[in-house]
Amino acid sequence: MIASGELKAGDRLPIEKELAAQLGVSRGSLREAVRSLATLGVLETRQGDGTYVTQLDPSSLLRPLEFWAGLQEATQPVDLLAVRRVLETESAGLAAVRLTDAEFDELEKILSDIDSELASGNLEPETFIDADAAFHRRIAVASGNPALAALIDTLMTRTLRGRLWRAITERDSVGEAHADHRAILAALRTRDAERARIRMAAHLLGVEVFAAQHPVEGDDRPPGSSNG
């Protein structure tokens, strides 16, 4: 019904008795189906108000991918980073020709704040990781492709701890990554999609190679990483 357009984003489902009769299934089977679709982010049940179709936005519908990515992170982090590199390389190319002046200002503000922290010598790894995530998310959103941005966001959240651990254990990595970000922004400003792709790919390849050469296992994993 949702796929055919009979039920649209935001619509309220018929009451359980009516819908079960319409579909020719038991009410128990219908409840199981509703629970499954709610888990997938397709439906949401509001206490005392019924069940509704969600907005069906990519970020919600792709959320279950986070669970899978979390399972892979411990054993195949390089594979996840490789996928992220492919996706973000394309997002940078798309963003190069679509970024607005306001979005350029946002990216510049993120990097300028890190400039100030580095100059003061008080930059905390967590602060850098937050800025790094914000920088990459802004570019992904600016690609103009919500599905691509949602996929990137899902994979990025699963690699942040590894990035943080890298920043803590390899002191020069923060400066190197920040320089990469500056180079990416400069490439984006040229409106040259291929140049932006190359800069983003080179930046993320560095992270990927580091992860391959420095696997994080056992007690060497960053605090809280076992929580997914």
N, C-alpha and C. Protein backbone atom coordinates (compact mmCIF):
# COMPACT_ATOMS: atom_id res chain seq x y z
N MET A 1 0.83 -1.21 0.00
CA MET A 1 0.00 0.00 0.00
C MET A 1 0.86 1.26 0.00
N ILE A 2 1.96 1.21 0.74
CA ILE A 2 2.87 2.36 0.79
C ILE A 2 3.62 2.47 -0.54
N ALA A 3 4.10 1.33 -1.05
CA ALA A 3 4.86 1.34 -2.29
C ALA A 3 4.01 1.81 -3.47
N SER A 4 2.72 1.51 -3.44
CA SER A 4 1.84 1.90 -4.55
C SER A 4 1.36 3.33 -4.44
N GLY A 5 1.59 3.94 -3.27
CA GLY A 5 1.15 5.31 -3.09
C GLY A 5 -0.22 5.43 -2.47
N GLU A 6 -0.84 4.29 -2.18
CA GLU A 6 -2.14 4.32 -1.53
C GLU A 6 -2.03 4.94 -0.14
N LEU A 7 -0.94 4.64 0.54
CA LEU A 7 -0.61 5.29 1.81
C LEU A 7 0.63 6.13 1.58
N LYS A 8 0.54 7.39 1.94
CA LYS A 8 1.65 8.32 1.71
C LYS A 8 2.32 8.71 3.03
N ALA A 9 3.46 9.36 2.92
CA ALA A 9 4.19 9.81 4.10
C ALA A 9 3.28 10.67 4.97
N GLY A 10 3.21 10.33 6.25
CA GLY A 10 2.39 11.08 7.19
C GLY A 10 0.97 10.57 7.34
N ASP A 11 0.55 9.64 6.48
CA ASP A 11 -0.82 9.12 6.56
C ASP A 11 -0.99 8.21 7.79
N ARG A 12 -2.20 8.23 8.30
CA ARG A 12 -2.56 7.34 9.42
C ARG A 12 -3.13 6.05 8.86
N LEU A 13 -2.68 4.91 9.39
CA LEU A 13 -3.20 3.63 8.94
C LEU A 13 -4.63 3.44 9.43
N PRO A 14 -5.44 2.70 8.68
CA PRO A 14 -6.79 2.37 9.17
C PRO A 14 -6.67 1.63 10.50
N ILE A 15 -7.76 1.59 11.27
CA ILE A 15 -7.70 0.88 12.54
C ILE A 15 -7.40 -0.59 12.28
N GLU A 16 -6.83 -1.23 13.30
CA GLU A 16 -6.30 -2.59 13.15
C GLU A 16 -7.33 -3.57 12.59
N LYS A 17 -8.55 -3.53 13.11
CA LYS A 17 -9.59 -4.47 12.67
C LYS A 17 -9.88 -4.31 11.19
N GLU A 18 -10.01 -3.07 10.75
CA GLU A 18 -10.34 -2.80 9.36
C GLU A 18 -9.19 -3.19 8.43
N LEU A 19 -7.95 -2.86 8.85
CA LEU A 19 -6.80 -3.14 7.99
C LEU A 19 -6.57 -4.65 7.88
N ALA A 20 -6.75 -5.38 8.98
CA ALA A 20 -6.58 -6.84 8.95
C ALA A 20 -7.59 -7.46 7.98
N ALA A 21 -8.83 -6.97 8.04
CA ALA A 21 -9.86 -7.49 7.14
C ALA A 21 -9.55 -7.14 5.69
N GLN A 22 -9.07 -5.92 5.48
CA GLN A 22 -8.75 -5.47 4.12
C GLN A 22 -7.63 -6.30 3.51
N LEU A 23 -6.65 -6.65 4.33
CA LEU A 23 -5.50 -7.42 3.84
C LEU A 23 -5.73 -8.92 3.90
N GLY A 24 -6.78 -9.34 4.59
CA GLY A 24 -7.08 -10.76 4.69
C GLY A 24 -6.12 -11.53 5.56
N VAL A 25 -5.67 -10.89 6.65
CA VAL A 25 -4.74 -11.54 7.58
C VAL A 25 -5.29 -11.42 9.00
N SER A 26 -4.71 -12.21 9.91
CA SER A 26 -5.15 -12.12 11.30
C SER A 26 -4.60 -10.84 11.92
N ARG A 27 -5.22 -10.41 13.00
CA ARG A 27 -4.75 -9.20 13.68
C ARG A 27 -3.37 -9.43 14.29
N GLY A 28 -3.10 -10.69 14.69
CA GLY A 28 -1.78 -10.99 15.23
C GLY A 28 -0.70 -10.83 14.17
N SER A 29 -0.97 -11.34 12.98
CA SER A 29 -0.01 -11.20 11.87
C SER A 29 0.19 -9.73 11.51
N LEU A 30 -0.91 -8.97 11.54
CA LEU A 30 -0.82 -7.55 11.23
C LEU A 30 0.07 -6.82 12.24
N ARG A 31 -0.09 -7.15 13.52
CA ARG A 31 0.73 -6.51 14.56
C ARG A 31 2.21 -6.80 14.33
N GLU A 32 2.52 -8.05 13.97
CA GLU A 32 3.92 -8.41 13.71
C GLU A 32 4.47 -7.60 12.53
N ALA A 33 3.64 -7.45 11.51
CA ALA A 33 4.07 -6.69 10.33
C ALA A 33 4.30 -5.22 10.68
N VAL A 34 3.40 -4.67 11.50
CA VAL A 34 3.54 -3.27 11.92
C VAL A 34 4.81 -3.09 12.73
N ARG A 35 5.08 -4.04 13.65
CA ARG A 35 6.30 -3.95 14.46
C ARG A 35 7.54 -4.01 13.58
N SER A 36 7.52 -4.88 12.58
CA SER A 36 8.67 -5.00 11.68
C SER A 36 8.90 -3.72 10.89
N LEU A 37 7.81 -3.15 10.37
CA LEU A 37 7.95 -1.92 9.59
C LEU A 37 8.33 -0.73 10.47
N ALA A 38 7.92 -0.77 11.73
CA ALA A 38 8.32 0.29 12.66
C ALA A 38 9.82 0.20 12.93
N THR A 39 10.33 -1.02 13.07
CA THR A 39 11.76 -1.22 13.29
C THR A 39 12.56 -0.70 12.10
N LEU A 40 12.01 -0.85 10.91
CA LEU A 40 12.69 -0.41 9.70
C LEU A 40 12.52 1.09 9.45
N GLY A 41 11.73 1.77 10.30
CA GLY A 41 11.54 3.20 10.14
C GLY A 41 10.48 3.58 9.13
N VAL A 42 9.67 2.61 8.71
CA VAL A 42 8.61 2.89 7.73
C VAL A 42 7.34 3.36 8.42
N LEU A 43 7.05 2.80 9.60
CA LEU A 43 5.87 3.17 10.38
C LEU A 43 6.28 3.65 11.76
N GLU A 44 5.42 4.43 12.37
CA GLU A 44 5.62 4.81 13.77
C GLU A 44 4.27 4.74 14.48
N THR A 45 4.30 4.16 15.67
CA THR A 45 3.07 4.03 16.47
C THR A 45 3.06 5.10 17.54
N ARG A 46 1.99 5.88 17.57
CA ARG A 46 1.86 6.95 18.55
C ARG A 46 0.83 6.51 19.59
N GLN A 47 1.27 6.45 20.82
CA GLN A 47 0.42 5.97 21.90
C GLN A 47 -0.91 6.73 21.94
N GLY A 48 -2.00 5.98 21.82
CA GLY A 48 -3.33 6.58 21.90
C GLY A 48 -3.77 7.32 20.65
N ASP A 49 -2.94 7.29 19.60
CA ASP A 49 -3.29 8.06 18.40
C ASP A 49 -3.24 7.23 17.13
N GLY A 50 -2.73 6.01 17.19
CA GLY A 50 -2.70 5.15 16.01
C GLY A 50 -1.32 4.99 15.42
N THR A 51 -1.27 4.40 14.25
CA THR A 51 -0.01 4.13 13.56
C THR A 51 0.04 4.95 12.28
N TYR A 52 1.19 5.56 12.04
CA TYR A 52 1.36 6.47 10.90
C TYR A 52 2.53 6.03 10.03
N VAL A 53 2.44 6.37 8.77
CA VAL A 53 3.57 6.24 7.88
C VAL A 53 4.55 7.36 8.22
N THR A 54 5.83 7.05 8.33
CA THR A 54 6.80 8.09 8.63
C THR A 54 7.00 8.98 7.40
N GLN A 55 7.92 9.91 7.50
CA GLN A 55 8.22 10.77 6.35
C GLN A 55 9.02 10.04 5.29
N LEU A 56 9.42 8.80 5.61
CA LEU A 56 10.14 7.94 4.66
C LEU A 56 11.42 8.60 4.15
N ASP A 57 12.06 9.38 5.02
CA ASP A 57 13.31 10.03 4.63
C ASP A 57 14.46 9.03 4.67
N PRO A 58 15.47 9.21 3.83
CA PRO A 58 16.57 8.26 3.76
C PRO A 58 17.27 8.02 5.09
N SER A 59 17.46 9.07 5.90
CA SER A 59 18.18 8.91 7.16
C SER A 59 17.48 7.94 8.09
N SER A 60 16.14 7.93 8.07
CA SER A 60 15.39 7.00 8.91
C SER A 60 15.38 5.60 8.33
N LEU A 61 15.15 5.50 7.04
CA LEU A 61 15.04 4.19 6.41
C LEU A 61 16.38 3.46 6.34
N LEU A 62 17.47 4.21 6.32
CA LEU A 62 18.78 3.57 6.26
C LEU A 62 19.38 3.32 7.64
N ARG A 63 18.66 3.71 8.69
CA ARG A 63 19.19 3.56 10.04
C ARG A 63 19.56 2.12 10.40
N PRO A 64 18.78 1.11 9.96
CA PRO A 64 19.20 -0.27 10.28
C PRO A 64 20.59 -0.61 9.76
N LEU A 65 21.06 0.11 8.75
CA LEU A 65 22.40 -0.14 8.22
C LEU A 65 23.45 0.13 9.29
N GLU A 66 23.16 1.04 10.23
CA GLU A 66 24.11 1.33 11.29
C GLU A 66 24.41 0.10 12.12
N PHE A 67 23.41 -0.72 12.35
CA PHE A 67 23.60 -1.94 13.13
C PHE A 67 24.56 -2.88 12.42
N TRP A 68 24.33 -3.07 11.12
CA TRP A 68 25.22 -3.93 10.34
C TRP A 68 26.63 -3.36 10.33
N ALA A 69 26.74 -2.05 10.12
CA ALA A 69 28.06 -1.42 10.07
C ALA A 69 28.77 -1.58 11.41
N GLY A 70 28.02 -1.49 12.51
CA GLY A 70 28.62 -1.67 13.82
C GLY A 70 29.19 -3.06 14.01
N LEU A 71 28.51 -4.06 13.46
CA LEU A 71 29.01 -5.43 13.54
C LEU A 71 30.27 -5.60 12.71
N GLN A 72 30.33 -4.92 11.57
CA GLN A 72 31.49 -5.06 10.69
C GLN A 72 32.70 -4.28 11.20
N GLU A 73 32.44 -3.24 11.99
CA GLU A 73 33.51 -2.33 12.39
C GLU A 73 34.63 -3.05 13.11
N ALA A 74 34.29 -4.05 13.94
CA ALA A 74 35.30 -4.74 14.73
C ALA A 74 36.18 -5.64 13.87
N THR A 75 35.62 -6.21 12.81
CA THR A 75 36.36 -7.19 12.02
C THR A 75 36.78 -6.69 10.64
N GLN A 76 36.02 -5.75 10.10
CA GLN A 76 36.32 -5.29 8.74
C GLN A 76 36.26 -3.77 8.63
N PRO A 77 36.96 -3.05 9.52
CA PRO A 77 36.89 -1.58 9.47
C PRO A 77 37.41 -1.00 8.17
N VAL A 78 38.42 -1.64 7.58
CA VAL A 78 38.98 -1.12 6.34
C VAL A 78 37.96 -1.20 5.21
N ASP A 79 37.14 -2.26 5.21
CA ASP A 79 36.11 -2.39 4.19
C ASP A 79 35.11 -1.24 4.30
N LEU A 80 34.72 -0.90 5.53
CA LEU A 80 33.77 0.20 5.72
C LEU A 80 34.38 1.53 5.29
N LEU A 81 35.66 1.73 5.63
CA LEU A 81 36.33 2.97 5.25
C LEU A 81 36.46 3.07 3.73
N ALA A 82 36.66 1.93 3.06
CA ALA A 82 36.76 1.94 1.60
C ALA A 82 35.43 2.35 0.97
N VAL A 83 34.33 1.84 1.53
CA VAL A 83 33.01 2.21 1.02
C VAL A 83 32.77 3.70 1.25
N ARG A 84 33.14 4.16 2.44
CA ARG A 84 32.96 5.57 2.74
C ARG A 84 33.78 6.43 1.77
N ARG A 85 34.99 5.99 1.44
CA ARG A 85 35.83 6.75 0.50
C ARG A 85 35.15 6.87 -0.86
N VAL A 86 34.58 5.78 -1.35
CA VAL A 86 33.90 5.80 -2.65
C VAL A 86 32.74 6.79 -2.62
N LEU A 87 31.93 6.73 -1.56
CA LEU A 87 30.75 7.58 -1.47
C LEU A 87 31.12 9.06 -1.30
N GLU A 88 32.08 9.33 -0.41
CA GLU A 88 32.43 10.73 -0.14
C GLU A 88 33.19 11.36 -1.29
N THR A 89 33.92 10.55 -2.04
CA THR A 89 34.60 11.10 -3.22
C THR A 89 33.57 11.65 -4.20
N GLU A 90 32.50 10.90 -4.41
CA GLU A 90 31.45 11.37 -5.31
C GLU A 90 30.69 12.55 -4.73
N SER A 91 30.44 12.52 -3.41
CA SER A 91 29.72 13.63 -2.79
C SER A 91 30.50 14.93 -2.93
N ALA A 92 31.83 14.84 -2.84
CA ALA A 92 32.66 16.04 -2.99
C ALA A 92 32.55 16.59 -4.41
N GLY A 93 32.53 15.69 -5.39
CA GLY A 93 32.39 16.14 -6.77
C GLY A 93 31.07 16.84 -7.02
N LEU A 94 30.00 16.28 -6.48
CA LEU A 94 28.69 16.90 -6.63
C LEU A 94 28.61 18.23 -5.89
N ALA A 95 29.18 18.25 -4.68
CA ALA A 95 29.12 19.47 -3.86
C ALA A 95 29.89 20.62 -4.50
N ALA A 96 30.95 20.30 -5.22
CA ALA A 96 31.79 21.34 -5.82
C ALA A 96 30.99 22.27 -6.72
N VAL A 97 29.98 21.74 -7.36
CA VAL A 97 29.20 22.57 -8.29
C VAL A 97 27.87 23.02 -7.69
N ARG A 98 27.60 22.62 -6.45
CA ARG A 98 26.31 22.95 -5.85
C ARG A 98 26.40 23.76 -4.56
N LEU A 99 27.56 23.83 -3.96
CA LEU A 99 27.68 24.56 -2.69
C LEU A 99 27.29 26.03 -2.87
N THR A 100 26.52 26.53 -1.91
CA THR A 100 26.13 27.94 -1.91
C THR A 100 27.16 28.75 -1.13
N ASP A 101 27.09 30.06 -1.26
CA ASP A 101 28.01 30.92 -0.50
C ASP A 101 27.84 30.70 1.00
N ALA A 102 26.60 30.52 1.43
CA ALA A 102 26.34 30.30 2.86
C ALA A 102 26.97 28.98 3.32
N GLU A 103 26.90 27.96 2.49
CA GLU A 103 27.49 26.67 2.86
C GLU A 103 29.02 26.76 2.88
N PHE A 104 29.59 27.52 1.95
CA PHE A 104 31.04 27.74 1.99
C PHE A 104 31.43 28.43 3.29
N ASP A 105 30.61 29.39 3.71
CA ASP A 105 30.88 30.10 4.97
C ASP A 105 30.84 29.14 6.16
N GLU A 106 29.89 28.20 6.13
CA GLU A 106 29.79 27.22 7.22
C GLU A 106 31.04 26.34 7.27
N LEU A 107 31.49 25.89 6.11
CA LEU A 107 32.69 25.06 6.07
C LEU A 107 33.91 25.84 6.55
N GLU A 108 34.00 27.09 6.13
CA GLU A 108 35.13 27.93 6.56
C GLU A 108 35.09 28.14 8.06
N LYS A 109 33.92 28.33 8.63
CA LYS A 109 33.79 28.54 10.08
C LYS A 109 34.27 27.30 10.84
N ILE A 110 33.92 26.13 10.36
CA ILE A 110 34.35 24.89 11.02
C ILE A 110 35.87 24.82 11.06
N LEU A 111 36.51 25.10 9.93
CA LEU A 111 37.96 25.00 9.86
C LEU A 111 38.65 26.14 10.59
N SER A 112 38.07 27.32 10.57
CA SER A 112 38.67 28.45 11.28
C SER A 112 38.68 28.21 12.78
N ASP A 113 37.62 27.60 13.29
CA ASP A 113 37.59 27.28 14.73
C ASP A 113 38.72 26.32 15.10
N ILE A 114 39.00 25.36 14.23
CA ILE A 114 40.10 24.44 14.49
C ILE A 114 41.44 25.15 14.37
N ASP A 115 41.54 26.10 13.43
CA ASP A 115 42.76 26.91 13.33
C ASP A 115 43.06 27.57 14.67
N SER A 116 42.04 28.14 15.28
CA SER A 116 42.21 28.84 16.55
C SER A 116 42.63 27.87 17.66
N GLU A 117 42.01 26.70 17.69
CA GLU A 117 42.34 25.71 18.71
C GLU A 117 43.78 25.21 18.53
N LEU A 118 44.18 24.99 17.31
CA LEU A 118 45.55 24.52 17.05
C LEU A 118 46.56 25.59 17.46
N ALA A 119 46.24 26.84 17.15
CA ALA A 119 47.15 27.94 17.49
C ALA A 119 47.32 28.08 18.99
N SER A 120 46.24 27.81 19.74
CA SER A 120 46.30 27.94 21.21
C SER A 120 46.99 26.74 21.86
N GLY A 121 47.10 25.65 21.11
CA GLY A 121 47.71 24.45 21.66
C GLY A 121 46.80 23.68 22.58
N ASN A 122 45.51 24.04 22.58
CA ASN A 122 44.55 23.41 23.49
C ASN A 122 43.53 22.52 22.79
N LEU A 123 43.83 22.12 21.57
CA LEU A 123 42.87 21.32 20.82
C LEU A 123 42.75 19.92 21.40
N GLU A 124 41.53 19.56 21.80
CA GLU A 124 41.26 18.22 22.31
C GLU A 124 40.87 17.32 21.13
N PRO A 125 41.30 16.05 21.16
CA PRO A 125 40.94 15.14 20.06
C PRO A 125 39.44 15.08 19.82
N GLU A 126 38.64 15.09 20.90
CA GLU A 126 37.19 15.02 20.74
C GLU A 126 36.66 16.23 19.97
N THR A 127 37.25 17.40 20.24
CA THR A 127 36.83 18.62 19.55
C THR A 127 37.11 18.51 18.06
N PHE A 128 38.30 17.98 17.75
CA PHE A 128 38.65 17.83 16.34
C PHE A 128 37.74 16.84 15.65
N ILE A 129 37.43 15.72 16.32
CA ILE A 129 36.57 14.70 15.72
C ILE A 129 35.18 15.26 15.44
N ASP A 130 34.66 16.07 16.38
CA ASP A 130 33.34 16.68 16.17
C ASP A 130 33.38 17.60 14.95
N ALA A 131 34.46 18.38 14.83
CA ALA A 131 34.59 19.30 13.69
C ALA A 131 34.76 18.52 12.39
N ASP A 132 35.52 17.44 12.46
CA ASP A 132 35.73 16.60 11.29
C ASP A 132 34.40 16.05 10.78
N ALA A 133 33.58 15.55 11.71
CA ALA A 133 32.28 14.99 11.34
C ALA A 133 31.39 16.07 10.72
N ALA A 134 31.39 17.25 11.33
CA ALA A 134 30.56 18.35 10.82
C ALA A 134 30.99 18.75 9.42
N PHE A 135 32.28 18.81 9.19
CA PHE A 135 32.83 19.19 7.88
C PHE A 135 32.38 18.21 6.80
N HIS A 136 32.55 16.93 7.08
CA HIS A 136 32.18 15.91 6.08
C HIS A 136 30.67 15.85 5.87
N ARG A 137 29.91 16.04 6.94
CA ARG A 137 28.44 16.01 6.79
C ARG A 137 27.95 17.18 5.95
N ARG A 138 28.53 18.36 6.14
CA ARG A 138 28.10 19.53 5.37
C ARG A 138 28.34 19.28 3.88
N ILE A 139 29.47 18.70 3.56
CA ILE A 139 29.78 18.42 2.15
C ILE A 139 28.80 17.40 1.59
N ALA A 140 28.52 16.35 2.36
CA ALA A 140 27.60 15.31 1.91
C ALA A 140 26.21 15.89 1.64
N VAL A 141 25.74 16.73 2.54
CA VAL A 141 24.42 17.35 2.37
C VAL A 141 24.42 18.25 1.14
N ALA A 142 25.54 18.95 0.94
CA ALA A 142 25.63 19.88 -0.20
C ALA A 142 25.67 19.14 -1.54
N SER A 143 25.88 17.83 -1.51
CA SER A 143 25.87 17.06 -2.76
C SER A 143 24.49 17.13 -3.42
N GLY A 144 23.47 17.42 -2.62
CA GLY A 144 22.12 17.50 -3.16
C GLY A 144 21.44 16.16 -3.31
N ASN A 145 22.07 15.10 -2.82
CA ASN A 145 21.52 13.75 -2.92
C ASN A 145 21.27 13.22 -1.51
N PRO A 146 20.03 13.30 -1.00
CA PRO A 146 19.74 12.88 0.37
C PRO A 146 20.10 11.43 0.67
N ALA A 147 19.92 10.55 -0.31
CA ALA A 147 20.25 9.13 -0.09
C ALA A 147 21.76 8.97 0.09
N LEU A 148 22.53 9.66 -0.72
CA LEU A 148 23.99 9.60 -0.61
C LEU A 148 24.44 10.17 0.73
N ALA A 149 23.86 11.30 1.12
CA ALA A 149 24.22 11.93 2.39
C ALA A 149 23.89 11.02 3.58
N ALA A 150 22.75 10.34 3.50
CA ALA A 150 22.34 9.46 4.59
C ALA A 150 23.27 8.25 4.70
N LEU A 151 23.67 7.70 3.57
CA LEU A 151 24.61 6.58 3.58
C LEU A 151 25.95 6.98 4.18
N ILE A 152 26.43 8.14 3.79
CA ILE A 152 27.70 8.64 4.32
C ILE A 152 27.61 8.85 5.82
N ASP A 153 26.52 9.46 6.25
CA ASP A 153 26.35 9.73 7.68
C ASP A 153 26.32 8.43 8.48
N THR A 154 25.66 7.41 7.95
CA THR A 154 25.58 6.12 8.63
C THR A 154 26.95 5.50 8.79
N LEU A 155 27.74 5.50 7.74
CA LEU A 155 29.07 4.90 7.81
C LEU A 155 30.04 5.76 8.61
N MET A 156 29.87 7.06 8.55
CA MET A 156 30.78 7.94 9.27
C MET A 156 30.65 7.78 10.78
N THR A 157 29.45 7.63 11.28
CA THR A 157 29.28 7.50 12.71
C THR A 157 29.94 6.23 13.23
N ARG A 158 30.08 5.24 12.39
CA ARG A 158 30.70 3.99 12.81
C ARG A 158 32.21 4.02 12.71
N THR A 159 32.79 5.07 12.20
CA THR A 159 34.25 5.13 12.12
C THR A 159 34.83 6.23 13.00
N LEU A 160 33.98 6.98 13.69
CA LEU A 160 34.47 8.11 14.47
C LEU A 160 35.41 7.68 15.59
N ARG A 161 35.11 6.57 16.26
CA ARG A 161 35.98 6.15 17.35
C ARG A 161 37.37 5.80 16.84
N GLY A 162 37.41 5.17 15.69
CA GLY A 162 38.70 4.86 15.09
C GLY A 162 39.48 6.11 14.75
N ARG A 163 38.76 7.12 14.22
CA ARG A 163 39.41 8.40 13.91
C ARG A 163 39.93 9.05 15.18
N LEU A 164 39.12 9.00 16.25
CA LEU A 164 39.52 9.61 17.51
C LEU A 164 40.76 8.91 18.06
N TRP A 165 40.75 7.60 18.01
CA TRP A 165 41.89 6.84 18.51
C TRP A 165 43.15 7.16 17.71
N ARG A 166 42.97 7.35 16.41
CA ARG A 166 44.10 7.71 15.56
C ARG A 166 44.67 9.07 15.98
N ALA A 167 43.77 10.02 16.26
CA ALA A 167 44.20 11.36 16.65
C ALA A 167 44.96 11.33 17.97
N ILE A 168 44.53 10.46 18.89
CA ILE A 168 45.16 10.38 20.19
C ILE A 168 46.53 9.71 20.11
N THR A 169 46.61 8.63 19.34
CA THR A 169 47.84 7.84 19.33
C THR A 169 48.88 8.33 18.34
N GLU A 170 48.49 9.10 17.36
CA GLU A 170 49.45 9.62 16.38
C GLU A 170 49.34 11.14 16.36
N ARG A 171 50.18 11.79 17.11
CA ARG A 171 50.00 13.20 17.42
C ARG A 171 49.95 14.10 16.19
N ASP A 172 50.69 13.77 15.15
CA ASP A 172 50.70 14.63 13.97
C ASP A 172 49.46 14.45 13.10
N SER A 173 48.65 13.44 13.39
CA SER A 173 47.53 13.15 12.49
C SER A 173 46.49 14.26 12.47
N VAL A 174 46.32 14.97 13.58
CA VAL A 174 45.34 16.05 13.61
C VAL A 174 45.75 17.15 12.65
N GLY A 175 47.00 17.56 12.72
CA GLY A 175 47.48 18.60 11.81
C GLY A 175 47.40 18.18 10.36
N GLU A 176 47.73 16.93 10.08
CA GLU A 176 47.68 16.43 8.71
C GLU A 176 46.24 16.40 8.19
N ALA A 177 45.34 15.91 9.02
CA ALA A 177 43.94 15.83 8.61
C ALA A 177 43.36 17.23 8.39
N HIS A 178 43.74 18.17 9.26
CA HIS A 178 43.24 19.54 9.13
C HIS A 178 43.76 20.16 7.83
N ALA A 179 45.03 19.88 7.50
CA ALA A 179 45.58 20.38 6.24
C ALA A 179 44.83 19.77 5.06
N ASP A 180 44.47 18.50 5.19
CA ASP A 180 43.68 17.85 4.14
C ASP A 180 42.34 18.56 3.97
N HIS A 181 41.71 18.89 5.09
CA HIS A 181 40.42 19.58 5.03
C HIS A 181 40.55 20.93 4.32
N ARG A 182 41.62 21.63 4.63
CA ARG A 182 41.85 22.92 3.96
C ARG A 182 42.02 22.72 2.45
N ALA A 183 42.74 21.68 2.07
CA ALA A 183 42.95 21.40 0.65
C ALA A 183 41.63 21.03 -0.04
N ILE A 184 40.79 20.28 0.67
CA ILE A 184 39.48 19.91 0.13
C ILE A 184 38.62 21.15 -0.09
N LEU A 185 38.60 22.03 0.91
CA LEU A 185 37.80 23.25 0.78
C LEU A 185 38.31 24.12 -0.36
N ALA A 186 39.63 24.22 -0.50
CA ALA A 186 40.19 25.01 -1.60
C ALA A 186 39.78 24.42 -2.95
N ALA A 187 39.78 23.09 -3.03
CA ALA A 187 39.36 22.44 -4.28
C ALA A 187 37.88 22.69 -4.56
N LEU A 188 37.08 22.64 -3.51
CA LEU A 188 35.64 22.90 -3.69
C LEU A 188 35.41 24.32 -4.19
N ARG A 189 36.18 25.26 -3.71
CA ARG A 189 36.01 26.66 -4.11
C ARG A 189 36.31 26.87 -5.60
N THR A 190 37.12 26.01 -6.19
CA THR A 190 37.42 26.15 -7.62
C THR A 190 36.25 25.74 -8.49
N ARG A 191 35.26 25.07 -7.88
CA ARG A 191 34.10 24.53 -8.60
C ARG A 191 34.52 23.44 -9.60
N ASP A 192 35.70 22.89 -9.36
CA ASP A 192 36.22 21.82 -10.22
C ASP A 192 35.88 20.49 -9.55
N ALA A 193 34.88 19.79 -10.08
CA ALA A 193 34.40 18.56 -9.46
C ALA A 193 35.50 17.50 -9.37
N GLU A 194 36.28 17.35 -10.43
CA GLU A 194 37.31 16.31 -10.42
C GLU A 194 38.41 16.61 -9.41
N ARG A 195 38.78 17.88 -9.30
CA ARG A 195 39.79 18.25 -8.30
C ARG A 195 39.29 17.97 -6.89
N ALA A 196 38.02 18.27 -6.63
CA ALA A 196 37.43 18.01 -5.32
C ALA A 196 37.41 16.51 -5.02
N ARG A 197 37.07 15.72 -6.04
CA ARG A 197 37.05 14.27 -5.85
C ARG A 197 38.44 13.75 -5.48
N ILE A 198 39.45 14.23 -6.18
CA ILE A 198 40.82 13.76 -5.94
C ILE A 198 41.27 14.11 -4.52
N ARG A 199 40.98 15.33 -4.09
CA ARG A 199 41.38 15.75 -2.74
C ARG A 199 40.69 14.93 -1.67
N MET A 200 39.39 14.69 -1.86
CA MET A 200 38.65 13.91 -0.86
C MET A 200 39.13 12.46 -0.85
N ALA A 201 39.36 11.89 -2.01
CA ALA A 201 39.81 10.51 -2.09
C ALA A 201 41.17 10.34 -1.43
N ALA A 202 42.07 11.27 -1.67
CA ALA A 202 43.41 11.19 -1.07
C ALA A 202 43.33 11.28 0.45
N HIS A 203 42.48 12.17 0.93
CA HIS A 203 42.31 12.35 2.38
C HIS A 203 41.81 11.06 3.03
N LEU A 204 40.76 10.48 2.49
CA LEU A 204 40.16 9.30 3.10
C LEU A 204 41.01 8.05 2.86
N LEU A 205 41.78 8.03 1.80
CA LEU A 205 42.69 6.90 1.58
C LEU A 205 43.74 6.86 2.69
N GLY A 206 44.16 8.04 3.15
CA GLY A 206 45.13 8.08 4.25
C GLY A 206 44.58 7.43 5.50
N VAL A 207 43.33 7.70 5.80
CA VAL A 207 42.68 7.09 6.97
C VAL A 207 42.57 5.58 6.77
N GLU A 208 42.20 5.20 5.57
CA GLU A 208 42.02 3.78 5.25
C GLU A 208 43.33 3.01 5.40
N VAL A 209 44.41 3.58 4.88
CA VAL A 209 45.72 2.92 4.98
C VAL A 209 46.16 2.82 6.43
N PHE A 210 45.94 3.90 7.20
CA PHE A 210 46.31 3.87 8.61
C PHE A 210 45.54 2.77 9.35
N ALA A 211 44.25 2.65 9.06
CA ALA A 211 43.43 1.62 9.72
C ALA A 211 43.92 0.23 9.38
N ALA A 212 44.36 0.03 8.14
CA ALA A 212 44.86 -1.28 7.72
C ALA A 212 46.17 -1.61 8.42
N GLN A 213 46.99 -0.60 8.64
CA GLN A 213 48.31 -0.81 9.25
C GLN A 213 48.27 -0.84 10.77
N HIS A 214 47.20 -0.30 11.34
CA HIS A 214 47.08 -0.22 12.80
C HIS A 214 45.72 -0.75 13.26
N PRO A 215 45.49 -2.04 13.16
CA PRO A 215 44.22 -2.61 13.62
C PRO A 215 44.04 -2.38 15.11
N VAL A 216 42.80 -2.07 15.50
CA VAL A 216 42.48 -1.81 16.90
C VAL A 216 41.79 -3.04 17.45
N GLU A 217 42.45 -3.71 18.39
CA GLU A 217 41.90 -4.96 18.91
C GLU A 217 41.99 -5.00 20.43
N GLY A 218 41.13 -5.83 20.99
CA GLY A 218 41.19 -6.11 22.42
C GLY A 218 41.23 -4.89 23.29
N ASP A 219 42.17 -4.87 24.25
CA ASP A 219 42.27 -3.76 25.20
C ASP A 219 42.79 -2.49 24.57
N ASP A 220 43.27 -2.58 23.31
CA ASP A 220 43.79 -1.38 22.65
C ASP A 220 42.69 -0.55 22.01
N ARG A 221 41.45 -1.08 22.02
CA ARG A 221 40.35 -0.33 21.44
C ARG A 221 39.99 0.86 22.31
N PRO A 222 39.53 1.94 21.71
CA PRO A 222 39.20 3.13 22.50
C PRO A 222 38.07 2.85 23.46
N PRO A 223 38.02 3.56 24.60
CA PRO A 223 36.97 3.34 25.59
C PRO A 223 35.59 3.46 24.97
N GLY A 224 34.71 2.49 25.34
CA GLY A 224 33.33 2.54 24.89
C GLY A 224 33.10 1.99 23.51
N SER A 225 34.18 1.57 22.81
CA SER A 225 34.00 1.12 21.43
C SER A 225 33.22 -0.16 21.33
N SER A 226 33.14 -0.95 22.38
CA SER A 226 32.41 -2.20 22.32
C SER A 226 30.91 -1.99 22.31
N ASN A 227 30.47 -0.76 22.56
CA ASN A 227 29.04 -0.46 22.58
C ASN A 227 28.44 -0.25 21.20
N GLY A 228 29.30 -0.29 20.16
CA GLY A 228 28.78 -0.05 18.81
C GLY A 228 28.49 1.39 18.60
